[in-house]
Amino acid sequence: MSINKVFLLSMIAMLSACSSDVFITHTGNMPSEEKISMVFNGQTKNDVLEVLGSPSNVVSLDKDTWIYMSSDIKQVAFFAPKEVNRELLVIKFDTENRVASVEKLNKKHGEKVEITEEQTPNQEQEQGFFRKYFGGVGQYLPFGDGTDSGI
């Protein structure tokens, strides 16, 4: 048997062994449909916590939006992982901390976000040499600002 045939057979054996390595990872804490059906408009945040448990995420700029989420990620051998399923439960509360809306979303509702190289302009675009390197001189006051005499 020639070296080329041995190499080819070993590559085929190695690839066939790797192709059976399929990993599906489930992440998140999506509540069951039964529990979701127990949440309705007018319930308080505490009521929702008792039924569904803690949310996966609370929107940082809007503490009145809770998100429960889960996703399934499939990875075959050494190839890049691919998200095959995603579910989101978005619960919004009104100003009185009562449920205003319950919305269930999945991967089909998502949008692909394109990354761009454009930059957002800054108010203070370019500092001069002296301001950049000497602008903070004299601003460090390790013992206070001198207004409190401590006597």
N, C-alpha and C. Protein backbone atom coordinates (compact mmCIF):
# COMPACT_ATOMS: atom_id res chain seq x y z
N MET A 1 0.85 -1.17 0.00
CA MET A 1 0.00 0.00 0.00
C MET A 1 0.90 1.24 0.00
N SER A 2 0.57 2.17 -0.86
CA SER A 2 1.40 3.36 -0.98
C SER A 2 1.12 4.34 0.17
N ILE A 3 2.04 5.26 0.34
CA ILE A 3 1.92 6.27 1.39
C ILE A 3 0.69 7.15 1.17
N ASN A 4 0.39 7.47 -0.08
CA ASN A 4 -0.78 8.31 -0.38
C ASN A 4 -2.06 7.62 0.05
N LYS A 5 -2.18 6.31 -0.18
CA LYS A 5 -3.38 5.58 0.21
C LYS A 5 -3.51 5.52 1.73
N VAL A 6 -2.39 5.29 2.42
CA VAL A 6 -2.41 5.25 3.87
C VAL A 6 -2.83 6.62 4.43
N PHE A 7 -2.27 7.67 3.88
CA PHE A 7 -2.61 9.02 4.32
C PHE A 7 -4.10 9.30 4.08
N LEU A 8 -4.59 8.93 2.88
CA LEU A 8 -5.99 9.16 2.53
C LEU A 8 -6.92 8.38 3.45
N LEU A 9 -6.61 7.13 3.72
CA LEU A 9 -7.44 6.31 4.61
C LEU A 9 -7.43 6.86 6.04
N SER A 10 -6.28 7.32 6.51
CA SER A 10 -6.22 7.88 7.86
C SER A 10 -7.00 9.19 7.96
N MET A 11 -6.97 10.00 6.91
CA MET A 11 -7.75 11.24 6.91
C MET A 11 -9.25 10.95 6.90
N ILE A 12 -9.68 9.98 6.11
CA ILE A 12 -11.09 9.60 6.07
C ILE A 12 -11.53 9.07 7.42
N ALA A 13 -10.71 8.25 8.05
CA ALA A 13 -11.06 7.71 9.37
C ALA A 13 -11.15 8.82 10.41
N MET A 14 -10.23 9.76 10.35
CA MET A 14 -10.24 10.86 11.30
C MET A 14 -11.46 11.75 11.11
N LEU A 15 -11.79 12.08 9.86
CA LEU A 15 -12.95 12.93 9.58
C LEU A 15 -14.25 12.22 9.93
N SER A 16 -14.34 10.94 9.69
CA SER A 16 -15.58 10.22 10.04
C SER A 16 -15.74 10.14 11.55
N ALA A 17 -14.65 10.06 12.29
CA ALA A 17 -14.74 10.04 13.74
C ALA A 17 -15.18 11.40 14.27
N CYS A 18 -14.70 12.48 13.66
CA CYS A 18 -15.06 13.82 14.10
C CYS A 18 -16.48 14.20 13.70
N SER A 19 -16.98 13.66 12.60
CA SER A 19 -18.29 14.08 12.12
C SER A 19 -19.41 13.61 13.03
N SER A 20 -19.17 12.63 13.89
CA SER A 20 -20.21 12.17 14.81
C SER A 20 -20.24 12.99 16.09
N ASP A 21 -19.35 13.92 16.25
CA ASP A 21 -19.30 14.76 17.44
C ASP A 21 -20.25 15.94 17.28
N VAL A 22 -21.51 15.74 17.65
CA VAL A 22 -22.51 16.80 17.58
C VAL A 22 -22.89 17.15 19.01
N PHE A 23 -22.73 18.41 19.36
CA PHE A 23 -23.05 18.88 20.70
C PHE A 23 -24.17 19.89 20.61
N ILE A 24 -25.20 19.71 21.41
CA ILE A 24 -26.28 20.69 21.50
C ILE A 24 -26.30 21.18 22.93
N THR A 25 -26.11 22.48 23.10
CA THR A 25 -26.06 23.09 24.42
C THR A 25 -27.31 23.93 24.62
N HIS A 26 -27.97 23.73 25.73
CA HIS A 26 -29.16 24.51 26.06
C HIS A 26 -28.80 25.49 27.16
N THR A 27 -29.08 26.77 26.95
CA THR A 27 -28.80 27.80 27.96
C THR A 27 -30.07 28.60 28.23
N GLY A 28 -30.14 29.19 29.41
CA GLY A 28 -31.26 30.06 29.75
C GLY A 28 -32.21 29.43 30.75
N ASN A 29 -33.26 30.19 31.10
CA ASN A 29 -34.24 29.71 32.07
C ASN A 29 -35.66 30.05 31.62
N MET A 30 -36.03 29.59 30.44
CA MET A 30 -37.37 29.83 29.93
C MET A 30 -38.37 29.00 30.73
N PRO A 31 -39.36 29.66 31.32
CA PRO A 31 -40.39 28.93 32.06
C PRO A 31 -41.26 28.09 31.12
N SER A 32 -41.95 27.11 31.67
CA SER A 32 -42.82 26.26 30.88
C SER A 32 -44.05 27.05 30.42
N GLU A 33 -44.71 26.52 29.38
CA GLU A 33 -45.93 27.17 28.86
C GLU A 33 -47.00 27.26 29.94
N GLU A 34 -47.06 26.25 30.79
CA GLU A 34 -48.05 26.23 31.88
C GLU A 34 -47.83 27.42 32.83
N LYS A 35 -46.57 27.67 33.18
CA LYS A 35 -46.28 28.79 34.08
C LYS A 35 -46.51 30.13 33.39
N ILE A 36 -46.16 30.22 32.09
CA ILE A 36 -46.35 31.47 31.37
C ILE A 36 -47.83 31.83 31.29
N SER A 37 -48.67 30.81 31.15
CA SER A 37 -50.12 31.07 31.06
C SER A 37 -50.70 31.58 32.38
N MET A 38 -49.95 31.43 33.48
CA MET A 38 -50.42 31.91 34.78
C MET A 38 -50.10 33.38 35.00
N VAL A 39 -49.38 34.02 34.07
CA VAL A 39 -49.03 35.44 34.17
C VAL A 39 -50.02 36.23 33.33
N PHE A 40 -50.62 37.25 33.91
CA PHE A 40 -51.59 38.07 33.18
C PHE A 40 -51.45 39.53 33.59
N ASN A 41 -52.03 40.40 32.80
CA ASN A 41 -51.96 41.84 33.05
C ASN A 41 -52.55 42.17 34.43
N GLY A 42 -51.87 43.07 35.13
CA GLY A 42 -52.33 43.52 36.43
C GLY A 42 -51.61 42.87 37.60
N GLN A 43 -50.87 41.78 37.36
CA GLN A 43 -50.13 41.14 38.45
C GLN A 43 -48.95 42.02 38.85
N THR A 44 -48.52 41.88 40.10
CA THR A 44 -47.37 42.64 40.58
C THR A 44 -46.08 41.91 40.24
N LYS A 45 -44.96 42.61 40.42
CA LYS A 45 -43.65 41.99 40.17
C LYS A 45 -43.43 40.79 41.09
N ASN A 46 -43.87 40.89 42.33
CA ASN A 46 -43.72 39.78 43.27
C ASN A 46 -44.52 38.57 42.82
N ASP A 47 -45.73 38.80 42.28
CA ASP A 47 -46.53 37.69 41.77
C ASP A 47 -45.80 36.98 40.63
N VAL A 48 -45.20 37.77 39.73
CA VAL A 48 -44.48 37.19 38.60
C VAL A 48 -43.26 36.41 39.09
N LEU A 49 -42.55 36.95 40.08
CA LEU A 49 -41.39 36.24 40.65
C LEU A 49 -41.80 34.91 41.25
N GLU A 50 -42.94 34.86 41.92
CA GLU A 50 -43.40 33.60 42.51
C GLU A 50 -43.73 32.56 41.45
N VAL A 51 -44.32 33.00 40.34
CA VAL A 51 -44.74 32.07 39.30
C VAL A 51 -43.57 31.66 38.41
N LEU A 52 -42.80 32.63 37.92
CA LEU A 52 -41.77 32.35 36.92
C LEU A 52 -40.36 32.27 37.47
N GLY A 53 -40.12 32.79 38.64
CA GLY A 53 -38.76 32.86 39.17
C GLY A 53 -38.05 34.10 38.66
N SER A 54 -36.77 34.20 38.93
CA SER A 54 -35.99 35.37 38.53
C SER A 54 -35.82 35.42 37.02
N PRO A 55 -35.85 36.63 36.44
CA PRO A 55 -35.66 36.73 35.00
C PRO A 55 -34.20 36.52 34.61
N SER A 56 -33.99 36.18 33.34
CA SER A 56 -32.63 36.06 32.82
C SER A 56 -31.94 37.40 32.80
N ASN A 57 -32.72 38.46 32.54
CA ASN A 57 -32.16 39.80 32.40
C ASN A 57 -33.22 40.83 32.75
N VAL A 58 -32.79 41.91 33.40
CA VAL A 58 -33.62 43.08 33.60
C VAL A 58 -32.96 44.19 32.79
N VAL A 59 -33.72 44.81 31.90
CA VAL A 59 -33.15 45.82 31.01
C VAL A 59 -32.56 46.94 31.86
N SER A 60 -31.29 47.25 31.64
CA SER A 60 -30.58 48.19 32.51
C SER A 60 -31.12 49.61 32.44
N LEU A 61 -31.57 50.05 31.28
CA LEU A 61 -32.09 51.41 31.17
C LEU A 61 -33.57 51.50 31.50
N ASP A 62 -34.23 50.36 31.62
CA ASP A 62 -35.66 50.34 31.90
C ASP A 62 -35.91 49.17 32.85
N LYS A 63 -35.86 49.43 34.14
CA LYS A 63 -36.00 48.38 35.15
C LYS A 63 -37.38 47.73 35.13
N ASP A 64 -38.29 48.26 34.32
CA ASP A 64 -39.64 47.72 34.24
C ASP A 64 -39.83 46.75 33.09
N THR A 65 -38.74 46.26 32.50
CA THR A 65 -38.81 45.24 31.45
C THR A 65 -37.96 44.06 31.87
N TRP A 66 -38.64 42.92 32.02
CA TRP A 66 -37.97 41.68 32.40
C TRP A 66 -37.92 40.76 31.19
N ILE A 67 -36.80 40.04 31.04
CA ILE A 67 -36.63 39.13 29.92
C ILE A 67 -36.24 37.75 30.44
N TYR A 68 -37.02 36.76 30.04
CA TYR A 68 -36.69 35.36 30.26
C TYR A 68 -36.27 34.81 28.91
N MET A 69 -35.16 34.08 28.84
CA MET A 69 -34.69 33.63 27.54
C MET A 69 -34.05 32.25 27.62
N SER A 70 -34.03 31.60 26.47
CA SER A 70 -33.32 30.34 26.35
C SER A 70 -32.87 30.18 24.90
N SER A 71 -31.83 29.40 24.69
CA SER A 71 -31.36 29.15 23.33
C SER A 71 -30.70 27.78 23.27
N ASP A 72 -30.75 27.19 22.08
CA ASP A 72 -30.08 25.93 21.81
C ASP A 72 -28.99 26.18 20.78
N ILE A 73 -27.78 25.77 21.11
CA ILE A 73 -26.64 26.00 20.24
C ILE A 73 -26.07 24.65 19.82
N LYS A 74 -25.92 24.47 18.51
CA LYS A 74 -25.41 23.21 17.95
C LYS A 74 -24.00 23.41 17.44
N GLN A 75 -23.13 22.47 17.79
CA GLN A 75 -21.76 22.52 17.29
C GLN A 75 -21.39 21.13 16.81
N VAL A 76 -20.91 21.06 15.58
CA VAL A 76 -20.47 19.81 14.99
C VAL A 76 -18.95 19.83 14.95
N ALA A 77 -18.36 18.88 15.66
CA ALA A 77 -16.91 18.71 15.70
C ALA A 77 -16.21 20.04 15.98
N PHE A 78 -15.34 20.45 15.08
CA PHE A 78 -14.55 21.66 15.28
C PHE A 78 -15.11 22.86 14.54
N PHE A 79 -16.28 22.72 13.91
CA PHE A 79 -16.88 23.84 13.18
C PHE A 79 -17.46 24.86 14.15
N ALA A 80 -17.69 26.06 13.65
CA ALA A 80 -18.22 27.14 14.48
C ALA A 80 -19.62 26.78 14.98
N PRO A 81 -19.93 27.12 16.23
CA PRO A 81 -21.27 26.83 16.76
C PRO A 81 -22.34 27.66 16.04
N LYS A 82 -23.56 27.11 16.00
CA LYS A 82 -24.67 27.77 15.33
C LYS A 82 -25.91 27.71 16.23
N GLU A 83 -26.54 28.85 16.42
CA GLU A 83 -27.75 28.89 17.22
C GLU A 83 -28.91 28.33 16.39
N VAL A 84 -29.56 27.28 16.90
CA VAL A 84 -30.65 26.65 16.15
C VAL A 84 -32.02 27.05 16.68
N ASN A 85 -32.09 27.51 17.92
CA ASN A 85 -33.37 27.90 18.49
C ASN A 85 -33.15 28.98 19.55
N ARG A 86 -34.06 29.94 19.60
CA ARG A 86 -34.00 31.01 20.62
C ARG A 86 -35.42 31.39 20.99
N GLU A 87 -35.70 31.51 22.28
CA GLU A 87 -37.00 31.95 22.75
C GLU A 87 -36.81 33.05 23.78
N LEU A 88 -37.67 34.05 23.70
CA LEU A 88 -37.65 35.15 24.66
C LEU A 88 -39.06 35.39 25.17
N LEU A 89 -39.16 35.67 26.45
CA LEU A 89 -40.42 36.08 27.06
C LEU A 89 -40.15 37.47 27.63
N VAL A 90 -40.83 38.47 27.10
CA VAL A 90 -40.62 39.86 27.52
C VAL A 90 -41.84 40.30 28.31
N ILE A 91 -41.62 40.67 29.57
CA ILE A 91 -42.71 41.14 30.43
C ILE A 91 -42.42 42.59 30.77
N LYS A 92 -43.37 43.46 30.44
CA LYS A 92 -43.23 44.89 30.73
C LYS A 92 -44.20 45.26 31.84
N PHE A 93 -43.70 46.10 32.75
CA PHE A 93 -44.50 46.56 33.87
C PHE A 93 -44.81 48.04 33.70
N ASP A 94 -45.94 48.48 34.27
CA ASP A 94 -46.31 49.89 34.19
C ASP A 94 -45.69 50.64 35.37
N THR A 95 -46.08 51.90 35.55
CA THR A 95 -45.51 52.74 36.61
C THR A 95 -45.89 52.28 38.00
N GLU A 96 -46.93 51.45 38.10
CA GLU A 96 -47.36 50.94 39.41
C GLU A 96 -46.81 49.54 39.67
N ASN A 97 -45.81 49.13 38.88
CA ASN A 97 -45.15 47.82 39.00
C ASN A 97 -46.13 46.66 38.81
N ARG A 98 -47.04 46.83 37.87
CA ARG A 98 -47.98 45.77 37.52
C ARG A 98 -47.75 45.39 36.06
N VAL A 99 -48.02 44.14 35.72
CA VAL A 99 -47.79 43.64 34.36
C VAL A 99 -48.64 44.44 33.37
N ALA A 100 -47.96 45.03 32.37
CA ALA A 100 -48.64 45.78 31.32
C ALA A 100 -48.75 44.95 30.05
N SER A 101 -47.72 44.12 29.77
CA SER A 101 -47.77 43.27 28.58
C SER A 101 -46.85 42.07 28.75
N VAL A 102 -47.26 40.97 28.09
CA VAL A 102 -46.47 39.74 28.05
C VAL A 102 -46.34 39.37 26.59
N GLU A 103 -45.09 39.26 26.13
CA GLU A 103 -44.84 38.98 24.71
C GLU A 103 -43.82 37.85 24.59
N LYS A 104 -44.14 36.88 23.74
CA LYS A 104 -43.22 35.76 23.51
C LYS A 104 -42.65 35.90 22.10
N LEU A 105 -41.32 35.85 22.01
CA LEU A 105 -40.61 36.00 20.73
C LEU A 105 -39.73 34.78 20.50
N ASN A 106 -39.36 34.56 19.24
CA ASN A 106 -38.43 33.49 18.93
C ASN A 106 -37.38 33.98 17.95
N LYS A 107 -36.57 33.07 17.45
CA LYS A 107 -35.46 33.44 16.58
C LYS A 107 -35.92 34.15 15.31
N LYS A 108 -37.10 33.83 14.82
CA LYS A 108 -37.62 34.45 13.60
C LYS A 108 -37.87 35.95 13.78
N HIS A 109 -38.10 36.39 15.01
CA HIS A 109 -38.34 37.81 15.27
C HIS A 109 -37.06 38.63 15.32
N GLY A 110 -35.92 37.97 15.39
CA GLY A 110 -34.63 38.67 15.50
C GLY A 110 -34.22 39.30 14.18
N GLU A 111 -33.33 40.25 14.29
CA GLU A 111 -32.78 40.92 13.12
C GLU A 111 -31.27 40.80 13.15
N LYS A 112 -30.70 40.60 12.00
CA LYS A 112 -29.25 40.55 11.91
C LYS A 112 -28.71 41.97 11.94
N VAL A 113 -27.76 42.21 12.80
CA VAL A 113 -27.17 43.55 12.95
C VAL A 113 -25.85 43.57 12.20
N GLU A 114 -25.74 44.48 11.29
CA GLU A 114 -24.50 44.63 10.52
C GLU A 114 -23.53 45.51 11.30
N ILE A 115 -22.29 45.10 11.37
CA ILE A 115 -21.26 45.87 12.06
C ILE A 115 -20.63 46.81 11.04
N THR A 116 -20.46 48.06 11.43
CA THR A 116 -19.91 49.05 10.52
C THR A 116 -18.62 49.61 11.10
N GLU A 117 -17.79 50.13 10.26
CA GLU A 117 -16.53 50.72 10.68
C GLU A 117 -16.65 52.21 10.96
N GLU A 118 -17.84 52.77 10.73
CA GLU A 118 -18.03 54.20 10.96
C GLU A 118 -17.86 54.52 12.44
N GLN A 119 -17.45 55.74 12.71
CA GLN A 119 -17.25 56.16 14.10
C GLN A 119 -18.21 57.27 14.44
N THR A 120 -18.67 57.25 15.68
CA THR A 120 -19.54 58.31 16.17
C THR A 120 -18.68 59.51 16.53
N PRO A 121 -19.02 60.71 16.02
CA PRO A 121 -18.20 61.88 16.35
C PRO A 121 -18.27 62.20 17.84
N ASN A 122 -17.15 62.64 18.36
CA ASN A 122 -17.04 62.98 19.76
C ASN A 122 -17.11 64.50 19.89
N GLN A 123 -17.68 64.97 21.00
CA GLN A 123 -17.78 66.42 21.21
C GLN A 123 -16.40 67.07 21.22
N GLU A 124 -15.47 66.42 21.88
CA GLU A 124 -14.13 66.97 21.99
C GLU A 124 -13.22 66.08 21.15
N GLN A 125 -13.19 66.32 19.86
CA GLN A 125 -12.53 65.43 18.91
C GLN A 125 -11.04 65.27 19.21
N GLU A 126 -10.31 66.35 19.20
CA GLU A 126 -8.87 66.24 19.32
C GLU A 126 -8.37 67.24 20.34
N GLN A 127 -7.68 66.75 21.35
CA GLN A 127 -7.06 67.64 22.32
C GLN A 127 -5.68 68.00 21.83
N GLY A 128 -5.26 69.21 22.16
CA GLY A 128 -3.91 69.61 21.82
C GLY A 128 -2.90 68.86 22.68
N PHE A 129 -1.64 68.95 22.30
CA PHE A 129 -0.57 68.25 22.99
C PHE A 129 -0.52 68.63 24.47
N PHE A 130 -0.50 69.92 24.78
CA PHE A 130 -0.36 70.37 26.16
C PHE A 130 -1.56 69.98 27.00
N ARG A 131 -2.76 70.12 26.45
CA ARG A 131 -3.96 69.77 27.21
C ARG A 131 -4.02 68.26 27.45
N LYS A 132 -3.61 67.49 26.48
CA LYS A 132 -3.67 66.04 26.59
C LYS A 132 -2.70 65.54 27.67
N TYR A 133 -1.51 66.08 27.69
CA TYR A 133 -0.49 65.57 28.61
C TYR A 133 -0.33 66.37 29.89
N PHE A 134 -0.74 67.61 29.90
CA PHE A 134 -0.56 68.43 31.09
C PHE A 134 -1.87 69.00 31.62
N GLY A 135 -3.00 68.59 31.07
CA GLY A 135 -4.30 69.13 31.45
C GLY A 135 -4.69 68.85 32.89
N GLY A 136 -4.21 67.76 33.46
CA GLY A 136 -4.58 67.41 34.83
C GLY A 136 -3.60 67.90 35.87
N VAL A 137 -2.54 68.60 35.47
CA VAL A 137 -1.53 69.08 36.43
C VAL A 137 -2.18 70.07 37.38
N GLY A 138 -1.98 69.85 38.66
CA GLY A 138 -2.51 70.75 39.68
C GLY A 138 -3.91 70.37 40.14
N GLN A 139 -4.52 69.36 39.56
CA GLN A 139 -5.86 68.97 39.97
C GLN A 139 -5.86 67.87 41.02
N TYR A 140 -4.75 67.25 41.25
CA TYR A 140 -4.66 66.19 42.23
C TYR A 140 -4.42 66.79 43.60
N LEU A 141 -5.35 66.60 44.51
CA LEU A 141 -5.25 67.13 45.85
C LEU A 141 -5.34 65.98 46.85
N PRO A 142 -4.21 65.40 47.24
CA PRO A 142 -4.25 64.19 48.08
C PRO A 142 -4.79 64.43 49.49
N PHE A 143 -4.75 65.66 49.98
CA PHE A 143 -5.20 65.94 51.36
C PHE A 143 -6.44 66.83 51.37
N GLY A 144 -7.29 66.73 50.34
CA GLY A 144 -8.49 67.54 50.30
C GLY A 144 -8.26 68.79 49.49
N ASP A 145 -9.31 69.61 49.43
CA ASP A 145 -9.23 70.81 48.59
C ASP A 145 -8.84 72.05 49.39
N GLY A 146 -8.55 71.89 50.66
CA GLY A 146 -8.08 73.02 51.45
C GLY A 146 -9.20 73.83 52.09
N THR A 147 -10.47 73.53 51.80
CA THR A 147 -11.56 74.30 52.40
C THR A 147 -11.86 73.85 53.83
N ASP A 148 -11.59 72.60 54.14
CA ASP A 148 -11.83 72.09 55.49
C ASP A 148 -10.52 72.14 56.25
N SER A 149 -10.42 73.02 57.22
CA SER A 149 -9.15 73.19 57.94
C SER A 149 -8.89 72.06 58.92
N GLY A 150 -9.95 71.34 59.35
CA GLY A 150 -9.77 70.22 60.27
C GLY A 150 -9.46 70.66 61.68
N ILE A 151 -9.56 71.95 62.00
CA ILE A 151 -9.26 72.43 63.36
C ILE A 151 -10.52 72.63 64.12
